[in-house]
C-alpha atoms as a PDB file:
ATOM      1  CA  MET A   1     138.453 262.269  96.561  1.00  0.00           C
ATOM      2  CA  ILE A   2     135.414 263.594  94.367  1.00  0.00           C
ATOM      3  CA  SER A   3     132.377 265.838  97.296  1.00  0.00           C
ATOM      4  CA  MET A   4     129.620 263.822  97.686  1.00  0.00           C
ATOM      5  CA  VAL A   5     127.808 266.565  98.826  1.00  0.00           C
ATOM      6  CA  SER A   6     126.227 269.156  96.462  1.00  0.00           C
ATOM      7  CA  GLU A   7     126.513 273.017  97.099  1.00  0.00           C
ATOM      8  CA  ALA A   8     122.757 272.932  97.326  1.00  0.00           C
ATOM      9  CA  ILE A   9     122.519 270.743 100.067  1.00  0.00           C
ATOM     10  CA  LYS A  10     125.486 272.092 101.698  1.00  0.00           C
ATOM     11  CA  SER A  11     124.233 275.617 101.649  1.00  0.00           C
ATOM     12  CA  ASN A  12     120.738 273.542 103.294  1.00  0.00           C
ATOM     13  CA  ILE A  13     123.498 272.089 106.221  1.00  0.00           C
ATOM     14  CA  GLN A  14     124.734 275.429 107.302  1.00  0.00           C
ATOM     15  CA  GLN A  15     121.051 277.016 107.188  1.00  0.00           C
ATOM     16  CA  LYS A  16     120.262 274.373 109.485  1.00  0.00           C
ATOM     17  CA  LEU A  17     123.459 274.928 111.475  1.00  0.00           C
ATOM     18  CA  LEU A  18     122.877 278.165 112.091  1.00  0.00           C
ATOM     19  CA  GLU A  19     119.435 277.607 113.093  1.00  0.00           C
ATOM     20  CA  ILE A  20     120.657 275.038 115.696  1.00  0.00           C
ATOM     21  CA  GLU A  21     123.186 278.382 116.698  1.00  0.00           C
ATOM     22  CA  ARG A  22     119.755 280.441 117.491  1.00  0.00           C
ATOM     23  CA  GLN A  23     118.028 277.980 119.147  1.00  0.00           C
ATOM     24  CA  GLU A  24     120.413 276.471 121.695  1.00  0.00           C
ATOM     25  CA  ASN A  25     122.395 280.206 122.089  1.00  0.00           C
ATOM     26  CA  VAL A  26     125.697 278.306 121.147  1.00  0.00           C
ATOM     27  CA  CYS A  27     128.338 278.550 118.791  1.00  0.00           C
ATOM     28  CA  ILE A  28     128.808 275.960 116.341  1.00  0.00           C
ATOM     29  CA  LEU A  29     132.937 275.376 116.173  1.00  0.00           C
ATOM     30  CA  TYR A  30     133.266 272.740 113.957  1.00  0.00           C
ATOM     31  CA  ALA A  31     131.049 270.585 111.645  1.00  0.00           C
ATOM     32  CA  CYS A  32     131.592 267.908 109.176  1.00  0.00           C
ATOM     33  CA  GLU A  33     130.445 264.936 107.387  1.00  0.00           C
ATOM     34  CA  SER A  34     131.104 261.665 109.044  1.00  0.00           C
ATOM     35  CA  GLY A  35     129.122 258.789 107.786  1.00  0.00           C
ATOM     36  CA  SER A  36     129.805 256.386 104.044  1.00  0.00           C
ATOM     37  CA  ARG A  37     129.639 259.711 102.308  1.00  0.00           C
ATOM     38  CA  ALA A  38     132.698 261.123 104.063  1.00  0.00           C
ATOM     39  CA  TRP A  39     134.246 257.485 103.837  1.00  0.00           C
ATOM     40  CA  GLY A  40     133.974 257.571  99.605  1.00  0.00           C
ATOM     41  CA  PHE A  41     131.142 254.840  99.703  1.00  0.00           C
ATOM     42  CA  PRO A  42     127.911 256.331 100.037  1.00  0.00           C
ATOM     43  CA  SER A  43     124.948 254.646  98.449  1.00  0.00           C
ATOM     44  CA  ALA A  44     122.151 256.691  96.580  1.00  0.00           C
ATOM     45  CA  ASP A  45     119.874 257.169  99.456  1.00  0.00           C
ATOM     46  CA  SER A  46     122.121 257.273 101.843  1.00  0.00           C
ATOM     47  CA  ASP A  47     121.900 260.318 104.814  1.00  0.00           C
ATOM     48  CA  TYR A  48     124.020 263.324 105.500  1.00  0.00           C
ATOM     49  CA  ASP A  49     125.768 262.430 108.556  1.00  0.00           C
ATOM     50  CA  VAL A  50     126.682 265.537 109.987  1.00  0.00           C
ATOM     51  CA  ARG A  51     128.235 266.114 113.209  1.00  0.00           C
ATOM     52  CA  PHE A  52     129.698 269.309 115.078  1.00  0.00           C
ATOM     53  CA  ILE A  53     131.430 270.632 118.505  1.00  0.00           C
ATOM     54  CA  TYR A  54     129.786 273.976 119.761  1.00  0.00           C
ATOM     55  CA  VAL A  55     130.575 275.707 122.580  1.00  0.00           C
ATOM     56  CA  HIS A  56     127.861 277.430 125.095  1.00  0.00           C
ATOM     57  CA  PRO A  57     128.635 281.120 126.610  1.00  0.00           C
ATOM     58  CA  ARG A  58     130.695 281.081 129.616  1.00  0.00           C
ATOM     59  CA  ASP A  59     127.826 281.340 132.434  1.00  0.00           C
ATOM     60  CA  TRP A  60     126.713 278.369 130.908  1.00  0.00           C
ATOM     61  CA  TYR A  61     129.570 276.822 132.395  1.00  0.00           C
ATOM     62  CA  LEU A  62     129.326 278.749 136.069  1.00  0.00           C
ATOM     63  CA  SER A  63     126.426 276.653 137.001  1.00  0.00           C
ATOM     64  CA  ILE A  64     126.033 273.941 139.942  1.00  0.00           C
ATOM     65  CA  GLU A  65     123.626 272.220 137.598  1.00  0.00           C
ATOM     66  CA  ASP A  66     124.417 269.567 135.172  1.00  0.00           C
ATOM     67  CA  HIS A  67     123.768 270.231 131.605  1.00  0.00           C
ATOM     68  CA  ARG A  68     123.044 268.281 128.821  1.00  0.00           C
ATOM     69  CA  ASP A  69     126.269 268.145 126.631  1.00  0.00           C
ATOM     70  CA  VAL A  70     124.891 266.958 123.378  1.00  0.00           C
ATOM     71  CA  ILE A  71     122.920 268.576 120.482  1.00  0.00           C
ATOM     72  CA  GLU A  72     120.715 266.689 118.726  1.00  0.00           C
ATOM     73  CA  ARG A  73     117.814 266.944 115.786  1.00  0.00           C
ATOM     74  CA  PRO A  74     115.318 264.621 113.734  1.00  0.00           C
ATOM     75  CA  LEU A  75     116.092 263.470 110.302  1.00  0.00           C
ATOM     76  CA  VAL A  76     114.633 265.635 107.731  1.00  0.00           C
ATOM     77  CA  GLU A  77     115.225 265.782 104.054  1.00  0.00           C
ATOM     78  CA  GLU A  78     117.733 262.792 104.559  1.00  0.00           C
ATOM     79  CA  ILE A  79     119.994 265.447 106.901  1.00  0.00           C
ATOM     80  CA  ASP A  80     121.043 264.356 110.315  1.00  0.00           C
ATOM     81  CA  LEU A  81     122.313 266.315 112.683  1.00  0.00           C
ATOM     82  CA  SER A  82     123.913 265.420 116.034  1.00  0.00           C
ATOM     83  CA  GLY A  83     126.970 267.727 117.653  1.00  0.00           C
ATOM     84  CA  TRP A  84     128.509 267.335 121.494  1.00  0.00           C
ATOM     85  CA  GLU A  85     129.668 270.133 123.700  1.00  0.00           C
ATOM     86  CA  ILE A  86     132.650 271.091 124.100  1.00  0.00           C
ATOM     87  CA  ARG A  87     133.961 269.490 126.876  1.00  0.00           C
ATOM     88  CA  LYS A  88     132.415 266.203 125.968  1.00  0.00           C
ATOM     89  CA  ALA A  89     134.078 266.579 123.135  1.00  0.00           C
ATOM     90  CA  LEU A  90     137.732 267.266 124.352  1.00  0.00           C
ATOM     91  CA  ARG A  91     137.108 264.169 127.364  1.00  0.00           C
ATOM     92  CA  LEU A  92     136.553 261.806 123.876  1.00  0.00           C
ATOM     93  CA  PHE A  93     139.803 263.588 122.764  1.00  0.00           C
ATOM     94  CA  ARG A  94     141.970 262.756 126.110  1.00  0.00           C
ATOM     95  CA  LYS A  95     140.686 258.880 125.602  1.00  0.00           C
ATOM     96  CA  SER A  96     141.834 259.220 121.646  1.00  0.00           C
ATOM     97  CA  ASN A  97     138.055 258.440 121.299  1.00  0.00           C
ATOM     98  CA  PRO A  98     138.104 257.506 117.466  1.00  0.00           C
ATOM     99  CA  PRO A  99     134.948 258.833 115.344  1.00  0.00           C
ATOM    100  CA  LEU A 100     136.015 262.639 117.085  1.00  0.00           C
ATOM    101  CA  LEU A 101     139.399 262.075 115.060  1.00  0.00           C
ATOM    102  CA  GLU A 102     137.880 260.821 112.130  1.00  0.00           C
ATOM    103  CA  TRP A 103     135.475 264.552 112.320  1.00  0.00           C
ATOM    104  CA  LEU A 104     138.982 265.867 112.501  1.00  0.00           C
ATOM    105  CA  SER A 105     139.968 264.828 109.620  1.00  0.00           C
ATOM    106  CA  SER A 106     136.973 264.490 107.633  1.00  0.00           C
ATOM    107  CA  PRO A 107     137.243 265.722 103.887  1.00  0.00           C
ATOM    108  CA  ILE A 108     133.556 267.181 103.941  1.00  0.00           C
ATOM    109  CA  ILE A 109     133.555 270.491 106.481  1.00  0.00           C
ATOM    110  CA  TYR A 110     130.488 272.363 106.463  1.00  0.00           C
ATOM    111  CA  GLN A 111     131.434 274.380 109.316  1.00  0.00           C
ATOM    112  CA  GLN A 112     134.592 275.385 110.850  1.00  0.00           C
ATOM    113  CA  LYS A 113     134.895 278.709 113.288  1.00  0.00           C
ATOM    114  CA  PHE A 114     138.197 279.975 115.643  1.00  0.00           C
ATOM    115  CA  SER A 115     140.944 278.074 115.993  1.00  0.00           C
ATOM    116  CA  ILE A 116     139.752 274.726 117.935  1.00  0.00           C
ATOM    117  CA  ALA A 117     139.554 272.251 115.332  1.00  0.00           C
ATOM    118  CA  ASP A 118     143.074 273.180 114.291  1.00  0.00           C
ATOM    119  CA  LYS A 119     144.559 273.093 117.787  1.00  0.00           C
ATOM    120  CA  LEU A 120     143.012 269.895 118.169  1.00  0.00           C
ATOM    121  CA  ARG A 121     144.751 268.546 115.252  1.00  0.00           C
ATOM    122  CA  SER A 122     148.073 270.063 116.556  1.00  0.00           C
ATOM    123  CA  LEU A 123     147.271 268.332 119.569  1.00  0.00           C
ATOM    124  CA  LEU A 124     147.197 264.593 118.272  1.00  0.00           C
ATOM    125  CA  PRO A 125     150.628 263.380 118.513  1.00  0.00           C
ATOM    126  CA  ASP A 126     149.865 263.719 122.255  1.00  0.00           C
ATOM    127  CA  PHE A 127     146.620 262.174 122.220  1.00  0.00           C
ATOM    128  CA  TYR A 128     146.823 259.223 119.820  1.00  0.00           C
ATOM    129  CA  SER A 129     146.496 255.932 121.391  1.00  0.00           C
ATOM    130  CA  PRO A 130     146.997 253.319 119.138  1.00  0.00           C
ATOM    131  CA  ARG A 131     145.560 250.790 121.171  1.00  0.00           C
ATOM    132  CA  ASN A 132     142.566 252.660 122.121  1.00  0.00           C
ATOM    133  CA  CYS A 133     141.843 253.325 118.311  1.00  0.00           C
ATOM    134  CA  PHE A 134     142.537 249.908 117.298  1.00  0.00           C
ATOM    135  CA  HIS A 135     140.467 247.897 119.718  1.00  0.00           C
ATOM    136  CA  HIS A 136     137.685 250.120 118.267  1.00  0.00           C
ATOM    137  CA  TYR A 137     138.709 249.568 115.197  1.00  0.00           C
ATOM    138  CA  LEU A 138     138.649 245.817 115.770  1.00  0.00           C
ATOM    139  CA  HIS A 139     135.369 245.826 117.837  1.00  0.00           C
ATOM    140  CA  MET A 140     133.583 247.302 114.733  1.00  0.00           C
ATOM    141  CA  ALA A 141     134.719 244.729 112.571  1.00  0.00           C
ATOM    142  CA  GLU A 142     133.979 241.874 114.659  1.00  0.00           C
ATOM    143  CA  GLY A 143     130.691 242.727 115.056  1.00  0.00           C
ATOM    144  CA  ASN A 144     129.710 243.418 111.756  1.00  0.00           C
ATOM    145  CA  PHE A 145     131.438 239.870 110.434  1.00  0.00           C
ATOM    146  CA  ARG A 146     129.184 237.600 113.129  1.00  0.00           C
ATOM    147  CA  GLU A 147     126.120 239.684 111.603  1.00  0.00           C
ATOM    148  CA  TYR A 148     126.452 239.931 107.897  1.00  0.00           C
ATOM    149  CA  LEU A 149     129.041 238.292 106.538  1.00  0.00           C
ATOM    150  CA  ARG A 150     128.846 234.138 107.858  1.00  0.00           C
ATOM    151  CA  GLY A 151     127.412 231.738 105.657  1.00  0.00           C
ATOM    152  CA  GLU A 152     127.792 231.500 101.753  1.00  0.00           C
ATOM    153  CA  ASN A 153     125.338 233.857 101.094  1.00  0.00           C
ATOM    154  CA  VAL A 154     125.883 237.284 102.276  1.00  0.00           C
ATOM    155  CA  ARG A 155     125.206 241.149 102.637  1.00  0.00           C
ATOM    156  CA  VAL A 156     127.372 241.820 100.361  1.00  0.00           C
ATOM    157  CA  LYS A 157     127.355 245.954 101.265  1.00  0.00           C
ATOM    158  CA  LYS A 158     128.376 245.407 104.779  1.00  0.00           C
ATOM    159  CA  TYR A 159     131.866 244.276 103.156  1.00  0.00           C
ATOM    160  CA  PHE A 160     133.049 247.926 103.346  1.00  0.00           C
ATOM    161  CA  TYR A 161     131.805 247.743 107.125  1.00  0.00           C
ATOM    162  CA  VAL A 162     134.053 245.096 108.024  1.00  0.00           C
ATOM    163  CA  LEU A 163     136.667 246.468 105.864  1.00  0.00           C
ATOM    164  CA  ARG A 164     137.427 249.981 106.550  1.00  0.00           C
ATOM    165  CA  PRO A 165     138.426 249.106 110.145  1.00  0.00           C
ATOM    166  CA  LEU A 166     139.964 245.844 109.136  1.00  0.00           C
ATOM    167  CA  LEU A 167     142.288 248.311 106.984  1.00  0.00           C
ATOM    168  CA  GLY A 168     142.316 250.994 109.721  1.00  0.00           C
ATOM    169  CA  CYS A 169     143.903 248.164 112.084  1.00  0.00           C
ATOM    170  CA  ARG A 170     146.408 247.427 109.583  1.00  0.00           C
ATOM    171  CA  TRP A 171     147.085 251.260 109.252  1.00  0.00           C
ATOM    172  CA  ILE A 172     147.531 251.698 113.014  1.00  0.00           C
ATOM    173  CA  GLU A 173     149.494 248.487 113.470  1.00  0.00           C
ATOM    174  CA  SER A 174     152.296 250.149 110.506  1.00  0.00           C
ATOM    175  CA  GLY A 175     152.780 252.797 112.680  1.00  0.00           C
ATOM    176  CA  LEU A 176     151.177 255.469 110.451  1.00  0.00           C
ATOM    177  CA  GLY A 177     149.034 257.305 113.254  1.00  0.00           C
ATOM    178  CA  PRO A 178     145.256 258.542 113.255  1.00  0.00           C
ATOM    179  CA  VAL A 179     143.091 256.216 110.172  1.00  0.00           C
ATOM    180  CA  PRO A 180     142.005 258.602 107.562  1.00  0.00           C
ATOM    181  CA  MET A 181     138.421 258.941 106.928  1.00  0.00           C
ATOM    182  CA  GLU A 182     138.781 257.859 103.296  1.00  0.00           C
ATOM    183  CA  PHE A 183     138.311 254.537 102.313  1.00  0.00           C
ATOM    184  CA  GLU A 184     140.050 254.794  99.203  1.00  0.00           C
ATOM    185  CA  LYS A 185     143.291 255.574 101.255  1.00  0.00           C
ATOM    186  CA  LEU A 186     142.851 252.981 102.723  1.00  0.00           C
ATOM    187  CA  VAL A 187     142.700 249.972 100.158  1.00  0.00           C
ATOM    188  CA  GLU A 188     145.922 251.837  98.096  1.00  0.00           C
ATOM    189  CA  LYS A 189     148.150 251.935 101.442  1.00  0.00           C
ATOM    190  CA  MET A 190     146.752 248.494 103.340  1.00  0.00           C
ATOM    191  CA  ALA A 191     144.994 246.076 101.100  1.00  0.00           C
ATOM    192  CA  PRO A 192     148.025 243.650 100.363  1.00  0.00           C
ATOM    193  CA  SER A 193     147.466 241.961  97.145  1.00  0.00           C
ATOM    194  CA  THR A 194     146.802 243.391  93.535  1.00  0.00           C
ATOM    195  CA  VAL A 195     143.328 240.723  93.444  1.00  0.00           C
ATOM    196  CA  LEU A 196     141.790 241.775  96.760  1.00  0.00           C
ATOM    197  CA  LYS A 197     141.975 245.357  95.662  1.00  0.00           C
ATOM    198  CA  GLN A 198     140.327 244.878  92.250  1.00  0.00           C
ATOM    199  CA  GLU A 199     137.752 242.858  94.054  1.00  0.00           C
ATOM    200  CA  ILE A 200     137.019 245.628  96.187  1.00  0.00           C
ATOM    201  CA  TYR A 201     137.346 248.542  93.908  1.00  0.00           C
ATOM    202  CA  SER A 202     134.496 246.246  91.576  1.00  0.00           C
ATOM    203  CA  LEU A 203     132.261 245.819  94.495  1.00  0.00           C
ATOM    204  CA  LEU A 204     132.929 249.971  95.136  1.00  0.00           C
ATOM    205  CA  LYS A 205     131.734 251.197  91.663  1.00  0.00           C
ATOM    206  CA  ARG A 206     128.699 249.266  92.166  1.00  0.00           C
ATOM    207  CA  LYS A 207     127.747 251.106  95.030  1.00  0.00           C
ATOM    208  CA  GLN A 208     128.771 254.399  94.037  1.00  0.00           C
ATOM    209  CA  ASP A 209     127.001 253.640  90.540  1.00  0.00           C
ATOM    210  CA  GLY A 210     123.640 253.194  92.495  1.00  0.00           C
ATOM    211  CA  GLN A 211     123.279 249.098  92.386  1.00  0.00           C
ATOM    212  CA  GLU A 212     121.330 247.492  95.152  1.00  0.00           C
ATOM    213  CA  LEU A 213     123.878 245.180  97.272  1.00  0.00           C
ATOM    214  CA  ASP A 214     122.058 242.593  99.048  1.00  0.00           C
ATOM    215  CA  PHE A 215     122.263 239.167  99.347  1.00  0.00           C
ATOM    216  CA  GLU A 216     124.915 237.323  97.555  1.00  0.00           C
ATOM    217  CA  PRO A 217     127.476 234.785  97.642  1.00  0.00           C
ATOM    218  CA  ARG A 218     130.030 235.416  99.414  1.00  0.00           C
ATOM    219  CA  ILE A 219     133.824 237.030  97.597  1.00  0.00           C
ATOM    220  CA  PRO A 220     136.230 234.604  98.129  1.00  0.00           C
ATOM    221  CA  ALA A 221     138.859 237.202  98.051  1.00  0.00           C
ATOM    222  CA  ILE A 222     137.377 239.222 100.171  1.00  0.00           C
ATOM    223  CA  SER A 223     136.129 236.730 102.738  1.00  0.00           C
ATOM    224  CA  ASN A 224     138.959 235.223 103.218  1.00  0.00           C
ATOM    225  CA  PHE A 225     141.278 238.046 103.348  1.00  0.00           C
ATOM    226  CA  ILE A 226     138.508 239.107 105.986  1.00  0.00           C
ATOM    227  CA  GLU A 227     138.797 236.224 108.109  1.00  0.00           C
ATOM    228  CA  SER A 228     142.240 235.899 108.057  1.00  0.00           C
ATOM    229  CA  GLU A 229     142.609 239.025 109.456  1.00  0.00           C
ATOM    230  CA  LEU A 230     140.136 238.742 112.208  1.00  0.00           C
ATOM    231  CA  GLU A 231     142.359 236.170 113.595  1.00  0.00           C
ATOM    232  CA  ARG A 232     145.767 237.279 112.988  1.00  0.00           C
ATOM    233  CA  LEU A 233     144.723 241.136 114.586  1.00  0.00           C
ATOM    234  CA  LYS A 234     143.144 239.241 117.606  1.00  0.00           C
ATOM    235  CA  LYS A 235     146.346 238.977 118.568  1.00  0.00           C
ATOM    236  CA  GLN A 236     148.372 241.555 117.985  1.00  0.00           C
ATOM    237  CA  ALA A 237     145.475 244.525 119.871  1.00  0.00           C
ATOM    238  CA  SER A 238     147.324 243.952 123.110  1.00  0.00           C
ATOM    239  CA  GLU A 239     150.377 244.834 121.389  1.00  0.00           C
ATOM    240  CA  GLN A 240     149.650 248.604 120.802  1.00  0.00           C
ATOM    241  CA  PRO A 241     151.124 251.441 122.810  1.00  0.00           C
ATOM    242  CA  LEU A 242     148.728 253.259 125.317  1.00  0.00           C
ATOM    243  CA  LEU A 243     150.239 256.965 125.799  1.00  0.00           C
ATOM    244  CA  PRO A 244     149.199 258.891 128.580  1.00  0.00           C
ATOM    245  CA  SER A 245     146.729 261.604 128.816  1.00  0.00           C
ATOM    246  CA  GLN A 246     147.768 265.457 129.562  1.00  0.00           C
ATOM    247  CA  ASN A 247     144.858 266.716 131.267  1.00  0.00           C
ATOM    248  CA  ASP A 248     146.542 270.209 131.528  1.00  0.00           C
ATOM    249  CA  LYS A 249     146.615 270.775 127.944  1.00  0.00           C
ATOM    250  CA  LEU A 250     142.905 270.351 127.560  1.00  0.00           C
ATOM    251  CA  ASP A 251     142.181 272.646 129.967  1.00  0.00           C
ATOM    252  CA  GLU A 252     144.231 275.279 128.602  1.00  0.00           C
ATOM    253  CA  LEU A 253     142.321 274.969 125.282  1.00  0.00           C
ATOM    254  CA  PHE A 254     139.063 274.427 126.600  1.00  0.00           C
ATOM    255  CA  ARG A 255     139.533 278.656 128.344  1.00  0.00           C
ATOM    256  CA  ALA A 256     141.149 279.382 125.384  1.00  0.00           C
ATOM    257  CA  ALA A 257     138.202 279.176 123.359  1.00  0.00           C
ATOM    258  CA  LEU A 258     135.748 279.837 125.509  1.00  0.00           C
ATOM    259  CA  ILE A 259     137.603 283.620 125.430  1.00  0.00           C
ATOM    260  CA  GLU A 260     138.267 283.438 121.478  1.00  0.00           C
ATOM    261  CA  VAL A 261     134.696 282.481 121.288  1.00  0.00           C
ATOM    262  CA  TRP A 262     132.444 284.824 123.470  1.00  0.00           C
ATOM    263  CA  LYS A 263     135.626 287.882 124.414  1.00  0.00           C
END
């Protein structure tokens, strides 16, 4: 997939990450693009959705007080910055949190320091839960469908926000592991007909060309697939396997990260 981020923007984002490290006294271990640019269907005015994992110095963790485990910055220059403290990220990884798994597979990486991201990727087979991920994507598809795609005139750009999680459910159902971020990978592998693919790619080209995609008549091939697939997948949700978590491995990873970063 062609990168959706220019070198100038990437440099600007990396500078903002460096500023956060200085201001917050943290080390940002991993930062990536997490939104429509990483999915492969940005609009001309899409924000840069930068998500990161960070770690504090050791003594921050040796306090009897609870501390905030999220760092956020206001949207500036179309750059949206938000990060999770490493323990928060590991607790979510234990639950097979789909957004976090997507971060780790993002095709657009702004920063990767030390070994934490690669170690998490290597642990995916031990913590990936098809059922948790299936429920997440199905719920996302159902919500966007109810809000945007019912009736004869629909918000056509929202097709992507229903198609992507629906195709993600099909990916999980097929036993292919965590859902990839890139939308075109899902379409190529999971769209069941040539006609459906053609309609999706036609709409995708319009979006990438900067056309305004607002209320238009429903696209029968896409709408019919969505409606029938939602009904089918609801019946499959409880059939997906639920894997047990292994906390000791994540405890070891956390301790090793503190040593590796701060020595």
